Amino acid sequence: MADTLKVVESTPSATTVTDIYTAASAAVVTLVRVCNTSNTVTTYRMSVAIAGAGDAIGQYFVYERPINGYDTHEYAAPMNLASTDKIRAYVGNNTVNFFVHTLET
């Protein structure tokens, strides 16, 4: 099977832990871009749930990070995910978009 490049976009509901990417097969996440589309400062969290495990504090790699209005953050450290691993997000308001760039094998 050929490798597949994907970009998945998600706009989570405010104050709700949301799956923003689920690996269908082995995958390398190459970039996660976070964009606040309003003029209001808010915060966000991101976590990796191995095999879709329930939400737990030890899964978070970003926690309550502020993002200014109309600002973008990028996380370019590669993450290797196995099938059914999930990236989750939590936002202070529903104006934050996430773009997950992956290479699935």
PDB file of N, CA and C in Angstrom:
ATOM      1  N   MET A   1       0.843  -1.183   0.000  1.00  0.00           N
ATOM      2  CA  MET A   1       0.000   0.000   0.000  1.00  0.00           C
ATOM      3  C   MET A   1       0.886   1.243   0.000  1.00  0.00           C
ATOM      4  N   ALA A   2       0.496   2.231  -0.757  1.00  0.00           N
ATOM      5  CA  ALA A   2       1.274   3.461  -0.860  1.00  0.00           C
ATOM      6  C   ALA A   2       1.042   4.355   0.356  1.00  0.00           C
ATOM      7  N   ASP A   3       2.052   5.141   0.675  1.00  0.00           N
ATOM      8  CA  ASP A   3       1.902   6.135   1.742  1.00  0.00           C
ATOM      9  C   ASP A   3       0.926   7.213   1.276  1.00  0.00           C
ATOM     10  N   THR A   4       0.167   7.759   2.217  1.00  0.00           N
ATOM     11  CA  THR A   4      -0.839   8.762   1.892  1.00  0.00           C
ATOM     12  C   THR A   4      -0.637   9.996   2.753  1.00  0.00           C
ATOM     13  N   LEU A   5      -0.488  11.146   2.114  1.00  0.00           N
ATOM     14  CA  LEU A   5      -0.429  12.419   2.829  1.00  0.00           C
ATOM     15  C   LEU A   5      -1.849  12.909   3.061  1.00  0.00           C
ATOM     16  N   LYS A   6      -2.131  13.364   4.277  1.00  0.00           N
ATOM     17  CA  LYS A   6      -3.463  13.867   4.606  1.00  0.00           C
ATOM     18  C   LYS A   6      -3.353  15.141   5.418  1.00  0.00           C
ATOM     19  N   VAL A   7      -4.358  15.988   5.261  1.00  0.00           N
ATOM     20  CA  VAL A   7      -4.545  17.142   6.138  1.00  0.00           C
ATOM     21  C   VAL A   7      -5.983  17.062   6.630  1.00  0.00           C
ATOM     22  N   VAL A   8      -6.148  16.988   7.944  1.00  0.00           N
ATOM     23  CA  VAL A   8      -7.472  16.889   8.549  1.00  0.00           C
ATOM     24  C   VAL A   8      -7.730  18.175   9.318  1.00  0.00           C
ATOM     25  N   GLU A   9      -8.882  18.789   9.066  1.00  0.00           N
ATOM     26  CA  GLU A   9      -9.263  20.038   9.749  1.00  0.00           C
ATOM     27  C   GLU A   9     -10.365  19.739  10.747  1.00  0.00           C
ATOM     28  N   SER A  10     -10.304  20.399  11.909  1.00  0.00           N
ATOM     29  CA  SER A  10     -11.326  20.226  12.926  1.00  0.00           C
ATOM     30  C   SER A  10     -11.531  21.528  13.680  1.00  0.00           C
ATOM     31  N   THR A  11     -12.790  21.842  13.983  1.00  0.00           N
ATOM     32  CA  THR A  11     -13.138  22.988  14.822  1.00  0.00           C
ATOM     33  C   THR A  11     -13.946  22.451  16.001  1.00  0.00           C
ATOM     34  N   PRO A  12     -13.267  22.138  17.117  1.00  0.00           N
ATOM     35  CA  PRO A  12     -13.968  21.549  18.258  1.00  0.00           C
ATOM     36  C   PRO A  12     -14.963  22.512  18.899  1.00  0.00           C
ATOM     37  N   SER A  13     -15.983  21.942  19.505  1.00  0.00           N
ATOM     38  CA  SER A  13     -16.915  22.733  20.310  1.00  0.00           C
ATOM     39  C   SER A  13     -16.192  23.216  21.564  1.00  0.00           C
ATOM     40  N   ALA A  14     -16.606  24.365  22.060  1.00  0.00           N
ATOM     41  CA  ALA A  14     -15.976  24.938  23.249  1.00  0.00           C
ATOM     42  C   ALA A  14     -16.160  24.022  24.451  1.00  0.00           C
ATOM     43  N   THR A  15     -15.127  23.941  25.253  1.00  0.00           N
ATOM     44  CA  THR A  15     -15.077  23.225  26.533  1.00  0.00           C
ATOM     45  C   THR A  15     -15.494  21.759  26.442  1.00  0.00           C
ATOM     46  N   THR A  16     -15.153  21.118  25.317  1.00  0.00           N
ATOM     47  CA  THR A  16     -15.452  19.703  25.109  1.00  0.00           C
ATOM     48  C   THR A  16     -14.212  19.016  24.547  1.00  0.00           C
ATOM     49  N   VAL A  17     -13.759  17.950  25.180  1.00  0.00           N
ATOM     50  CA  VAL A  17     -12.643  17.180  24.628  1.00  0.00           C
ATOM     51  C   VAL A  17     -13.133  16.524  23.336  1.00  0.00           C
ATOM     52  N   THR A  18     -12.405  16.771  22.230  1.00  0.00           N
ATOM     53  CA  THR A  18     -12.839  16.339  20.901  1.00  0.00           C
ATOM     54  C   THR A  18     -11.719  15.597  20.192  1.00  0.00           C
ATOM     55  N   ASP A  19     -12.041  14.457  19.580  1.00  0.00           N
ATOM     56  CA  ASP A  19     -11.079  13.755  18.725  1.00  0.00           C
ATOM     57  C   ASP A  19     -10.895  14.580  17.459  1.00  0.00           C
ATOM     58  N   ILE A  20      -9.660  15.026  17.186  1.00  0.00           N
ATOM     59  CA  ILE A  20      -9.429  15.789  15.959  1.00  0.00           C
ATOM     60  C   ILE A  20      -8.722  14.958  14.899  1.00  0.00           C
ATOM     61  N   TYR A  21      -8.142  13.811  15.298  1.00  0.00           N
ATOM     62  CA  TYR A  21      -7.543  12.896  14.325  1.00  0.00           C
ATOM     63  C   TYR A  21      -7.471  11.513  14.943  1.00  0.00           C
ATOM     64  N   THR A  22      -7.888  10.509  14.178  1.00  0.00           N
ATOM     65  CA  THR A  22      -7.748   9.109  14.573  1.00  0.00           C
ATOM     66  C   THR A  22      -6.961   8.399  13.489  1.00  0.00           C
ATOM     67  N   ALA A  23      -5.880   7.766  13.870  1.00  0.00           N
ATOM     68  CA  ALA A  23      -5.046   7.051  12.902  1.00  0.00           C
ATOM     69  C   ALA A  23      -5.776   5.794  12.438  1.00  0.00           C
ATOM     70  N   ALA A  24      -5.976   5.680  11.132  1.00  0.00           N
ATOM     71  CA  ALA A  24      -6.602   4.495  10.564  1.00  0.00           C
ATOM     72  C   ALA A  24      -5.579   3.381  10.370  1.00  0.00           C
ATOM     73  N   SER A  25      -4.326   3.767  10.282  1.00  0.00           N
ATOM     74  CA  SER A  25      -3.200   2.838  10.155  1.00  0.00           C
ATOM     75  C   SER A  25      -2.011   3.531  10.806  1.00  0.00           C
ATOM     76  N   ALA A  26      -0.853   2.917  10.744  1.00  0.00           N
ATOM     77  CA  ALA A  26       0.343   3.589  11.270  1.00  0.00           C
ATOM     78  C   ALA A  26       0.485   4.938  10.571  1.00  0.00           C
ATOM     79  N   ALA A  27       0.818   5.971  11.347  1.00  0.00           N
ATOM     80  CA  ALA A  27       0.897   7.315  10.778  1.00  0.00           C
ATOM     81  C   ALA A  27       1.975   8.121  11.481  1.00  0.00           C
ATOM     82  N   VAL A  28       2.509   9.083  10.748  1.00  0.00           N
ATOM     83  CA  VAL A  28       3.414  10.069  11.318  1.00  0.00           C
ATOM     84  C   VAL A  28       2.737  11.420  11.176  1.00  0.00           C
ATOM     85  N   VAL A  29       2.501  12.054  12.310  1.00  0.00           N
ATOM     86  CA  VAL A  29       1.961  13.410  12.290  1.00  0.00           C
ATOM     87  C   VAL A  29       3.156  14.335  12.106  1.00  0.00           C
ATOM     88  N   THR A  30       3.161  15.086  11.022  1.00  0.00           N
ATOM     89  CA  THR A  30       4.302  15.934  10.699  1.00  0.00           C
ATOM     90  C   THR A  30       4.127  17.373  11.165  1.00  0.00           C
ATOM     91  N   LEU A  31       2.874  17.799  11.306  1.00  0.00           N
ATOM     92  CA  LEU A  31       2.613  19.182  11.694  1.00  0.00           C
ATOM     93  C   LEU A  31       1.197  19.277  12.256  1.00  0.00           C
ATOM     94  N   VAL A  32       1.048  20.039  13.328  1.00  0.00           N
ATOM     95  CA  VAL A  32      -0.283  20.419  13.815  1.00  0.00           C
ATOM     96  C   VAL A  32      -0.304  21.944  13.853  1.00  0.00           C
ATOM     97  N   ARG A  33      -1.271  22.513  13.162  1.00  0.00           N
ATOM     98  CA  ARG A  33      -1.423  23.971  13.110  1.00  0.00           C
ATOM     99  C   ARG A  33      -2.695  24.330  13.870  1.00  0.00           C
ATOM    100  N   VAL A  34      -2.588  25.338  14.748  1.00  0.00           N
ATOM    101  CA  VAL A  34      -3.706  25.800  15.570  1.00  0.00           C
ATOM    102  C   VAL A  34      -3.960  27.257  15.206  1.00  0.00           C
ATOM    103  N   CYS A  35      -5.194  27.583  14.843  1.00  0.00           N
ATOM    104  CA  CYS A  35      -5.511  28.931  14.366  1.00  0.00           C
ATOM    105  C   CYS A  35      -6.729  29.482  15.095  1.00  0.00           C
ATOM    106  N   ASN A  36      -6.566  30.643  15.732  1.00  0.00           N
ATOM    107  CA  ASN A  36      -7.676  31.329  16.378  1.00  0.00           C
ATOM    108  C   ASN A  36      -8.275  32.307  15.371  1.00  0.00           C
ATOM    109  N   THR A  37      -9.522  32.084  14.987  1.00  0.00           N
ATOM    110  CA  THR A  37     -10.149  32.896  13.941  1.00  0.00           C
ATOM    111  C   THR A  37     -10.953  34.080  14.482  1.00  0.00           C
ATOM    112  N   SER A  38     -10.857  34.339  15.775  1.00  0.00           N
ATOM    113  CA  SER A  38     -11.553  35.509  16.327  1.00  0.00           C
ATOM    114  C   SER A  38     -10.525  36.496  16.879  1.00  0.00           C
ATOM    115  N   ASN A  39     -11.001  37.648  17.316  1.00  0.00           N
ATOM    116  CA  ASN A  39     -10.102  38.654  17.893  1.00  0.00           C
ATOM    117  C   ASN A  39      -9.953  38.496  19.398  1.00  0.00           C
ATOM    118  N   THR A  40     -10.507  37.422  19.971  1.00  0.00           N
ATOM    119  CA  THR A  40     -10.505  37.189  21.412  1.00  0.00           C
ATOM    120  C   THR A  40      -9.433  36.180  21.798  1.00  0.00           C
ATOM    121  N   VAL A  41      -8.653  36.497  22.824  1.00  0.00           N
ATOM    122  CA  VAL A  41      -7.679  35.546  23.352  1.00  0.00           C
ATOM    123  C   VAL A  41      -8.434  34.365  23.948  1.00  0.00           C
ATOM    124  N   THR A  42      -7.944  33.161  23.706  1.00  0.00           N
ATOM    125  CA  THR A  42      -8.524  31.965  24.306  1.00  0.00           C
ATOM    126  C   THR A  42      -7.399  30.989  24.633  1.00  0.00           C
ATOM    127  N   THR A  43      -7.735  29.809  25.101  1.00  0.00           N
ATOM    128  CA  THR A  43      -6.734  28.790  25.423  1.00  0.00           C
ATOM    129  C   THR A  43      -7.113  27.478  24.740  1.00  0.00           C
ATOM    130  N   TYR A  44      -6.119  26.580  24.658  1.00  0.00           N
ATOM    131  CA  TYR A  44      -6.391  25.264  24.095  1.00  0.00           C
ATOM    132  C   TYR A  44      -5.480  24.226  24.737  1.00  0.00           C
ATOM    133  N   ARG A  45      -5.879  22.970  24.550  1.00  0.00           N
ATOM    134  CA  ARG A  45      -5.100  21.817  25.004  1.00  0.00           C
ATOM    135  C   ARG A  45      -5.036  20.818  23.856  1.00  0.00           C
ATOM    136  N   MET A  46      -3.974  20.006  23.845  1.00  0.00           N
ATOM    137  CA  MET A  46      -3.879  18.895  22.896  1.00  0.00           C
ATOM    138  C   MET A  46      -3.290  17.688  23.612  1.00  0.00           C
ATOM    139  N   SER A  47      -3.798  16.504  23.243  1.00  0.00           N
ATOM    140  CA  SER A  47      -3.331  15.272  23.859  1.00  0.00           C
ATOM    141  C   SER A  47      -3.262  14.158  22.831  1.00  0.00           C
ATOM    142  N   VAL A  48      -2.539  13.100  23.190  1.00  0.00           N
ATOM    143  CA  VAL A  48      -2.501  11.880  22.389  1.00  0.00           C
ATOM    144  C   VAL A  48      -3.047  10.756  23.256  1.00  0.00           C
ATOM    145  N   ALA A  49      -4.081  10.095  22.760  1.00  0.00           N
ATOM    146  CA  ALA A  49      -4.702   8.969  23.464  1.00  0.00           C
ATOM    147  C   ALA A  49      -4.274   7.680  22.763  1.00  0.00           C
ATOM    148  N   ILE A  50      -3.391   6.930  23.403  1.00  0.00           N
ATOM    149  CA  ILE A  50      -2.914   5.676  22.831  1.00  0.00           C
ATOM    150  C   ILE A  50      -4.078   4.687  22.783  1.00  0.00           C
ATOM    151  N   ALA A  51      -4.300   4.127  21.586  1.00  0.00           N
ATOM    152  CA  ALA A  51      -5.385   3.163  21.347  1.00  0.00           C
ATOM    153  C   ALA A  51      -6.745   3.721  21.767  1.00  0.00           C
ATOM    154  N   GLY A  52      -6.897   5.040  21.690  1.00  0.00           N
ATOM    155  CA  GLY A  52      -8.176   5.666  22.006  1.00  0.00           C
ATOM    156  C   GLY A  52      -8.552   5.631  23.473  1.00  0.00           C
ATOM    157  N   ALA A  53      -7.560   5.535  24.357  1.00  0.00           N
ATOM    158  CA  ALA A  53      -7.815   5.468  25.801  1.00  0.00           C
ATOM    159  C   ALA A  53      -8.618   6.682  26.264  1.00  0.00           C
ATOM    160  N   GLY A  54      -9.312   6.528  27.378  1.00  0.00           N
ATOM    161  CA  GLY A  54     -10.076   7.628  27.950  1.00  0.00           C
ATOM    162  C   GLY A  54      -9.186   8.808  28.298  1.00  0.00           C
ATOM    163  N   ASP A  55      -9.772   9.988  28.333  1.00  0.00           N
ATOM    164  CA  ASP A  55      -9.033  11.217  28.604  1.00  0.00           C
ATOM    165  C   ASP A  55      -8.355  11.150  29.979  1.00  0.00           C
ATOM    166  N   ALA A  56      -7.056  11.510  30.010  1.00  0.00           N
ATOM    167  CA  ALA A  56      -6.278  11.518  31.258  1.00  0.00           C
ATOM    168  C   ALA A  56      -5.225  12.609  31.182  1.00  0.00           C
ATOM    169  N   ILE A  57      -4.903  13.207  32.300  1.00  0.00           N
ATOM    170  CA  ILE A  57      -3.978  14.340  32.349  1.00  0.00           C
ATOM    171  C   ILE A  57      -2.602  13.988  31.776  1.00  0.00           C
ATOM    172  N   GLY A  58      -2.149  12.751  31.929  1.00  0.00           N
ATOM    173  CA  GLY A  58      -0.834  12.350  31.445  1.00  0.00           C
ATOM    174  C   GLY A  58      -0.707  12.286  29.933  1.00  0.00           C
ATOM    175  N   GLN A  59      -1.807  12.404  29.196  1.00  0.00           N
ATOM    176  CA  GLN A  59      -1.779  12.351  27.732  1.00  0.00           C
ATOM    177  C   GLN A  59      -1.469  13.703  27.084  1.00  0.00           C
ATOM    178  N   TYR A  60      -1.548  14.786  27.854  1.00  0.00           N
ATOM    179  CA  TYR A  60      -1.467  16.119  27.262  1.00  0.00           C
ATOM    180  C   TYR A  60      -0.033  16.529  26.965  1.00  0.00           C
ATOM    181  N   PHE A  61       0.172  17.074  25.751  1.00  0.00           N
ATOM    182  CA  PHE A  61       1.469  17.663  25.412  1.00  0.00           C
ATOM    183  C   PHE A  61       1.367  19.175  25.287  1.00  0.00           C
ATOM    184  N   VAL A  62       0.155  19.716  25.313  1.00  0.00           N
ATOM    185  CA  VAL A  62      -0.095  21.158  25.401  1.00  0.00           C
ATOM    186  C   VAL A  62      -1.264  21.312  26.366  1.00  0.00           C
ATOM    187  N   TYR A  63      -1.128  22.208  27.353  1.00  0.00           N
ATOM    188  CA  TYR A  63      -2.192  22.345  28.349  1.00  0.00           C
ATOM    189  C   TYR A  63      -2.433  23.821  28.673  1.00  0.00           C
ATOM    190  N   GLU A  64      -3.638  24.268  28.391  1.00  0.00           N
ATOM    191  CA  GLU A  64      -4.077  25.644  28.683  1.00  0.00           C
ATOM    192  C   GLU A  64      -3.136  26.693  28.080  1.00  0.00           C
ATOM    193  N   ARG A  65      -2.690  26.457  26.870  1.00  0.00           N
ATOM    194  CA  ARG A  65      -1.832  27.437  26.199  1.00  0.00           C
ATOM    195  C   ARG A  65      -2.692  28.572  25.647  1.00  0.00           C
ATOM    196  N   PRO A  66      -2.348  29.809  25.991  1.00  0.00           N
ATOM    197  CA  PRO A  66      -3.096  30.939  25.431  1.00  0.00           C
ATOM    198  C   PRO A  66      -2.747  31.146  23.956  1.00  0.00           C
ATOM    199  N   ILE A  67      -3.745  31.559  23.204  1.00  0.00           N
ATOM    200  CA  ILE A  67      -3.530  31.943  21.812  1.00  0.00           C
ATOM    201  C   ILE A  67      -4.251  33.267  21.584  1.00  0.00           C
ATOM    202  N   ASN A  68      -3.511  34.248  21.103  1.00  0.00           N
ATOM    203  CA  ASN A  68      -4.075  35.577  20.856  1.00  0.00           C
ATOM    204  C   ASN A  68      -5.083  35.543  19.719  1.00  0.00           C
ATOM    205  N   GLY A  69      -5.887  36.579  19.647  1.00  0.00           N
ATOM    206  CA  GLY A  69      -6.825  36.709  18.541  1.00  0.00           C
ATOM    207  C   GLY A  69      -6.085  36.751  17.212  1.00  0.00           C
ATOM    208  N   TYR A  70      -6.647  36.080  16.224  1.00  0.00           N
ATOM    209  CA  TYR A  70      -6.101  36.027  14.864  1.00  0.00           C
ATOM    210  C   TYR A  70      -4.662  35.531  14.826  1.00  0.00           C
ATOM    211  N   ASP A  71      -4.316  34.618  15.730  1.00  0.00           N
ATOM    212  CA  ASP A  71      -2.949  34.094  15.795  1.00  0.00           C
ATOM    213  C   ASP A  71      -2.935  32.621  15.392  1.00  0.00           C
ATOM    214  N   THR A  72      -1.747  32.130  15.044  1.00  0.00           N
ATOM    215  CA  THR A  72      -1.551  30.731  14.664  1.00  0.00           C
ATOM    216  C   THR A  72      -0.335  30.182  15.387  1.00  0.00           C
ATOM    217  N   HIS A  73      -0.457  28.958  15.897  1.00  0.00           N
ATOM    218  CA  HIS A  73       0.665  28.223  16.493  1.00  0.00           C
ATOM    219  C   HIS A  73       0.917  26.978  15.656  1.00  0.00           C
ATOM    220  N   GLU A  74       2.192  26.567  15.571  1.00  0.00           N
ATOM    221  CA  GLU A  74       2.544  25.354  14.835  1.00  0.00           C
ATOM    222  C   GLU A  74       3.398  24.442  15.697  1.00  0.00           C
ATOM    223  N   TYR A  75       3.111  23.143  15.607  1.00  0.00           N
ATOM    224  CA  TYR A  75       3.874  22.101  16.304  1.00  0.00           C
ATOM    225  C   TYR A  75       4.417  21.170  15.226  1.00  0.00           C
ATOM    226  N   ALA A  76       5.734  21.237  14.997  1.00  0.00           N
ATOM    227  CA  ALA A  76       6.335  20.506  13.890  1.00  0.00           C
ATOM    228  C   ALA A  76       7.155  19.297  14.326  1.00  0.00           C
ATOM    229  N   ALA A  77       7.123  18.927  15.588  1.00  0.00           N
ATOM    230  CA  ALA A  77       7.845  17.737  16.042  1.00  0.00           C
ATOM    231  C   ALA A  77       7.063  16.500  15.614  1.00  0.00           C
ATOM    232  N   PRO A  78       7.677  15.595  14.855  1.00  0.00           N
ATOM    233  CA  PRO A  78       6.948  14.416  14.381  1.00  0.00           C
ATOM    234  C   PRO A  78       6.464  13.536  15.535  1.00  0.00           C
ATOM    235  N   MET A  79       5.262  12.977  15.367  1.00  0.00           N
ATOM    236  CA  MET A  79       4.692  12.032  16.321  1.00  0.00           C
ATOM    237  C   MET A  79       4.328  10.762  15.560  1.00  0.00           C
ATOM    238  N   ASN A  80       4.800   9.630  16.044  1.00  0.00           N
ATOM    239  CA  ASN A  80       4.437   8.349  15.444  1.00  0.00           C
ATOM    240  C   ASN A  80       3.202   7.811  16.146  1.00  0.00           C
ATOM    241  N   LEU A  81       2.178   7.508  15.363  1.00  0.00           N
ATOM    242  CA  LEU A  81       0.937   6.978  15.912  1.00  0.00           C
ATOM    243  C   LEU A  81       0.675   5.587  15.352  1.00  0.00           C
ATOM    244  N   ALA A  82       0.126   4.727  16.173  1.00  0.00           N
ATOM    245  CA  ALA A  82      -0.309   3.413  15.731  1.00  0.00           C
ATOM    246  C   ALA A  82      -1.792   3.487  15.372  1.00  0.00           C
ATOM    247  N   SER A  83      -2.273   2.482  14.698  1.00  0.00           N
ATOM    248  CA  SER A  83      -3.689   2.408  14.357  1.00  0.00           C
ATOM    249  C   SER A  83      -4.543   2.569  15.615  1.00  0.00           C
ATOM    250  N   THR A  84      -5.561   3.391  15.542  1.00  0.00           N
ATOM    251  CA  THR A  84      -6.539   3.744  16.588  1.00  0.00           C
ATOM    252  C   THR A  84      -6.038   4.753  17.611  1.00  0.00           C
ATOM    253  N   ASP A  85      -4.773   5.185  17.547  1.00  0.00           N
ATOM    254  CA  ASP A  85      -4.329   6.292  18.401  1.00  0.00           C
ATOM    255  C   ASP A  85      -5.079   7.553  17.970  1.00  0.00           C
ATOM    256  N   LYS A  86      -5.328   8.448  18.924  1.00  0.00           N
ATOM    257  CA  LYS A  86      -6.096   9.660  18.640  1.00  0.00           C
ATOM    258  C   LYS A  86      -5.364  10.907  19.124  1.00  0.00           C
ATOM    259  N   ILE A  87      -5.509  11.976  18.377  1.00  0.00           N
ATOM    260  CA  ILE A  87      -5.118  13.306  18.855  1.00  0.00           C
ATOM    261  C   ILE A  87      -6.414  13.997  19.236  1.00  0.00           C
ATOM    262  N   ARG A  88      -6.414  14.574  20.432  1.00  0.00           N
ATOM    263  CA  ARG A  88      -7.602  15.255  20.938  1.00  0.00           C
ATOM    264  C   ARG A  88      -7.285  16.709  21.244  1.00  0.00           C
ATOM    265  N   ALA A  89      -8.339  17.522  21.220  1.00  0.00           N
ATOM    266  CA  ALA A  89      -8.191  18.940  21.546  1.00  0.00           C
ATOM    267  C   ALA A  89      -9.335  19.386  22.438  1.00  0.00           C
ATOM    268  N   TYR A  90      -9.056  20.444  23.167  1.00  0.00           N
ATOM    269  CA  TYR A  90     -10.029  21.105  24.038  1.00  0.00           C
ATOM    270  C   TYR A  90      -9.778  22.595  23.871  1.00  0.00           C
ATOM    271  N   VAL A  91     -10.823  23.377  23.662  1.00  0.00           N
ATOM    272  CA  VAL A  91     -10.662  24.812  23.426  1.00  0.00           C
ATOM    273  C   VAL A  91     -11.560  25.617  24.355  1.00  0.00           C
ATOM    274  N   GLY A  92     -11.125  26.847  24.632  1.00  0.00           N
ATOM    275  CA  GLY A  92     -11.906  27.746  25.467  1.00  0.00           C
ATOM    276  C   GLY A  92     -13.122  28.317  24.755  1.00  0.00           C
ATOM    277  N   ASN A  93     -13.028  28.503  23.442  1.00  0.00           N
ATOM    278  CA  ASN A  93     -14.190  28.908  22.649  1.00  0.00           C
ATOM    279  C   ASN A  93     -14.133  28.219  21.293  1.00  0.00           C
ATOM    280  N   ASN A  94     -15.218  28.274  20.550  1.00  0.00           N
ATOM    281  CA  ASN A  94     -15.298  27.499  19.310  1.00  0.00           C
ATOM    282  C   ASN A  94     -14.790  28.238  18.079  1.00  0.00           C
ATOM    283  N   THR A  95     -13.807  29.087  18.258  1.00  0.00           N
ATOM    284  CA  THR A  95     -13.221  29.812  17.126  1.00  0.00           C
ATOM    285  C   THR A  95     -11.797  29.340  16.841  1.00  0.00           C
ATOM    286  N   VAL A  96     -11.418  28.203  17.391  1.00  0.00           N
ATOM    287  CA  VAL A  96     -10.064  27.679  17.200  1.00  0.00           C
ATOM    288  C   VAL A  96     -10.131  26.481  16.262  1.00  0.00           C
ATOM    289  N   ASN A  97      -9.371  26.547  15.173  1.00  0.00           N
ATOM    290  CA  ASN A  97      -9.294  25.460  14.192  1.00  0.00           C
ATOM    291  C   ASN A  97      -7.969  24.720  14.340  1.00  0.00           C
ATOM    292  N   PHE A  98      -8.016  23.423  14.119  1.00  0.00           N
ATOM    293  CA  PHE A  98      -6.823  22.573  14.147  1.00  0.00           C
ATOM    294  C   PHE A  98      -6.656  21.931  12.780  1.00  0.00           C
ATOM    295  N   PHE A  99      -5.417  21.912  12.287  1.00  0.00           N
ATOM    296  CA  PHE A  99      -5.084  21.257  11.031  1.00  0.00           C
ATOM    297  C   PHE A  99      -3.979  20.252  11.337  1.00  0.00           C
ATOM    298  N   VAL A 100      -4.274  18.968  11.131  1.00  0.00           N
ATOM    299  CA  VAL A 100      -3.329  17.895  11.424  1.00  0.00           C
ATOM    300  C   VAL A 100      -2.812  17.349  10.099  1.00  0.00           C
ATOM    301  N   HIS A 101      -1.506  17.474   9.883  1.00  0.00           N
ATOM    302  CA  HIS A 101      -0.856  16.995   8.665  1.00  0.00           C
ATOM    303  C   HIS A 101      -0.203  15.649   8.985  1.00  0.00           C
ATOM    304  N   THR A 102      -0.546  14.618   8.203  1.00  0.00           N
ATOM    305  CA  THR A 102      -0.047  13.278   8.486  1.00  0.00           C
ATOM    306  C   THR A 102       0.464  12.585   7.242  1.00  0.00           C
ATOM    307  N   LEU A 103       1.281  11.567   7.493  1.00  0.00           N
ATOM    308  CA  LEU A 103       1.693  10.613   6.467  1.00  0.00           C
ATOM    309  C   LEU A 103       1.259   9.252   6.982  1.00  0.00           C
ATOM    310  N   GLU A 104       0.232   8.670   6.339  1.00  0.00           N
ATOM    311  CA  GLU A 104      -0.255   7.359   6.749  1.00  0.00           C
ATOM    312  C   GLU A 104       0.376   6.285   5.876  1.00  0.00           C
ATOM    313  N   THR A 105       0.745   5.174   6.533  1.00  0.00           N
ATOM    314  CA  THR A 105       1.372   4.079   5.783  1.00  0.00           C
ATOM    315  C   THR A 105       0.471   2.864   5.724  1.00  0.00           C
TER     316      THR A 105
END
